[in-house]
Every structure is written in C-alpha cells, then in structure tokens.
Protein backbone atom coordinates (compact mmCIF):
# COMPACT_ATOMS: atom_id res chain seq x y z
CA UNK A 1 -35.33 -157.26 -28.77
CA UNK A 2 -32.00 -155.71 -28.07
CA UNK A 3 -30.80 -154.27 -31.38
CA UNK A 4 -27.64 -152.22 -31.34
CA UNK A 5 -28.03 -148.73 -32.65
CA UNK A 6 -25.33 -147.55 -35.04
CA UNK A 7 -22.66 -145.29 -33.55
CA UNK A 8 -21.96 -142.04 -35.36
CA UNK A 9 -19.10 -139.58 -34.98
CA UNK A 10 -18.33 -136.27 -36.68
CA UNK A 11 -15.44 -135.95 -39.12
CA UNK A 12 -13.12 -133.19 -37.89
CA UNK A 13 -12.56 -131.88 -41.41
CA UNK A 14 -15.89 -132.19 -43.22
CA UNK A 15 -18.12 -131.93 -40.11
CA UNK A 16 -20.24 -134.77 -41.52
CA UNK A 17 -21.97 -137.22 -39.20
CA UNK A 18 -20.61 -140.63 -40.29
CA UNK A 19 -20.71 -144.18 -38.96
CA UNK A 20 -17.80 -144.77 -36.60
CA UNK A 21 -16.51 -147.73 -38.64
CA UNK A 22 -16.10 -145.43 -41.67
CA UNK A 23 -13.75 -143.09 -39.80
CA UNK A 24 -10.14 -143.12 -38.67
CA UNK A 25 -9.43 -142.12 -35.06
CA UNK A 26 -6.37 -140.16 -33.99
CA UNK A 27 -5.81 -139.90 -30.26
CA UNK A 28 -3.73 -137.73 -27.96
CA UNK A 29 -2.86 -138.86 -24.46
CA UNK A 30 -0.03 -138.30 -21.98
CA UNK A 31 2.30 -140.47 -24.09
CA UNK A 32 1.84 -138.62 -27.39
CA UNK A 33 -0.29 -138.60 -30.53
CA UNK A 34 -1.18 -141.88 -32.23
CA UNK A 35 -3.28 -143.31 -35.02
CA UNK A 36 -5.75 -145.49 -33.10
CA UNK A 37 -6.40 -148.31 -35.54
CA UNK A 38 -8.64 -150.28 -33.15
CA UNK A 39 -10.34 -147.16 -31.77
CA UNK A 40 -9.67 -148.22 -28.20
CA UNK A 41 -6.78 -146.09 -26.85
CA UNK A 42 -7.93 -143.78 -24.05
CA UNK A 43 -7.43 -140.07 -24.57
CA UNK A 44 -8.72 -137.16 -26.61
CA UNK A 45 -9.82 -138.50 -29.98
CA UNK A 46 -10.44 -136.85 -33.34
CA UNK A 47 -12.05 -138.60 -36.30
CA UNK A 48 -11.35 -138.29 -40.03
CA UNK A 49 -13.33 -139.79 -42.89
CA UNK A 50 -11.66 -142.74 -44.65
CA UNK A 51 -11.08 -140.79 -47.84
CA UNK A 52 -7.78 -139.74 -49.45
CA UNK A 53 -9.03 -136.26 -50.40
CA UNK A 54 -10.24 -135.65 -46.85
CA UNK A 55 -6.94 -136.79 -45.31
CA UNK A 56 -4.86 -134.58 -47.61
CA UNK A 57 -7.16 -131.58 -47.14
CA UNK A 58 -7.09 -132.04 -43.36
CA UNK A 59 -3.28 -132.12 -43.47
CA UNK A 60 -3.17 -128.89 -45.45
CA UNK A 61 -5.71 -127.19 -43.15
CA UNK A 62 -4.02 -128.58 -39.99
CA UNK A 63 -7.36 -129.91 -38.81
CA UNK A 64 -5.91 -132.56 -36.48
CA UNK A 65 -3.59 -130.05 -34.81
CA UNK A 66 -6.58 -127.85 -33.98
CA UNK A 67 -8.73 -130.75 -32.82
CA UNK A 68 -6.05 -132.26 -30.60
CA UNK A 69 -4.71 -128.87 -29.46
CA UNK A 70 -1.18 -129.98 -30.28
CA UNK A 71 1.16 -130.19 -33.27
CA UNK A 72 0.56 -133.31 -35.38
CA UNK A 73 3.46 -134.66 -37.44
CA UNK A 74 3.17 -135.64 -41.09
CA UNK A 75 3.92 -139.24 -40.06
CA UNK A 76 0.39 -139.54 -38.66
CA UNK A 77 -1.07 -138.56 -42.03
CA UNK A 78 1.20 -141.10 -43.74
CA UNK A 79 -0.08 -143.80 -41.38
CA UNK A 80 -3.66 -142.86 -42.26
CA UNK A 81 -2.94 -143.09 -46.00
CA UNK A 82 -1.23 -146.47 -45.54
CA UNK A 83 -4.18 -147.77 -43.51
CA UNK A 84 -6.56 -146.53 -46.23
CA UNK A 85 -4.54 -148.40 -48.86
CA UNK A 86 -4.59 -151.58 -46.74
CA UNK A 87 -8.38 -151.38 -46.41
CA UNK A 88 -8.84 -150.90 -50.13
CA UNK A 89 -6.80 -154.05 -50.85
CA UNK A 90 -9.09 -156.22 -48.70
C-alpha cells in the first residue's frame, strides 16, 4: 500500500502550512525571477497562498523581495493575479 502523502509548503506572507497545490510558486535563479506556474523551475522558490488579499498584502509588505533576497517587480504580482483569475474561471 503505497499511498502518497500530501505535500505541504509554508506561505511566505501568512506563514500558514498549506497544501502545495493551493499555493503559487515564485522562483529566482541565475536567469531572473519568474512565476513558476508548473512548480518545476529549479532555483530558490517562495510560495504564496492563492488568495487575492494575500497577494496584495504580500506586495505591499514586499514579502517576495525578502524571501528571494532580490527586488521583485510588480509584473510578477500581476501575473499571480491573472493566474488566480484563470483558476477561478475553471
């Protein structure tokens, strides 16, 4: 009986332990900072809860910049909001 255990990660803003599939991953590697939609790009990753309030609060608090130890542009936050809207339409 080989059941897979659920994978949890911690939201960088709320510090909640949440299932990985309920989080967005933002990654920093030698090429830059990206929204990792498939959660497969190698590099330093930071997770944010899939929630509009959390994304906006993290932007205001510069949570991703601290977690990735680098400046994060507002374009990344826009990508997260767009991805959230796409998921809600499904």
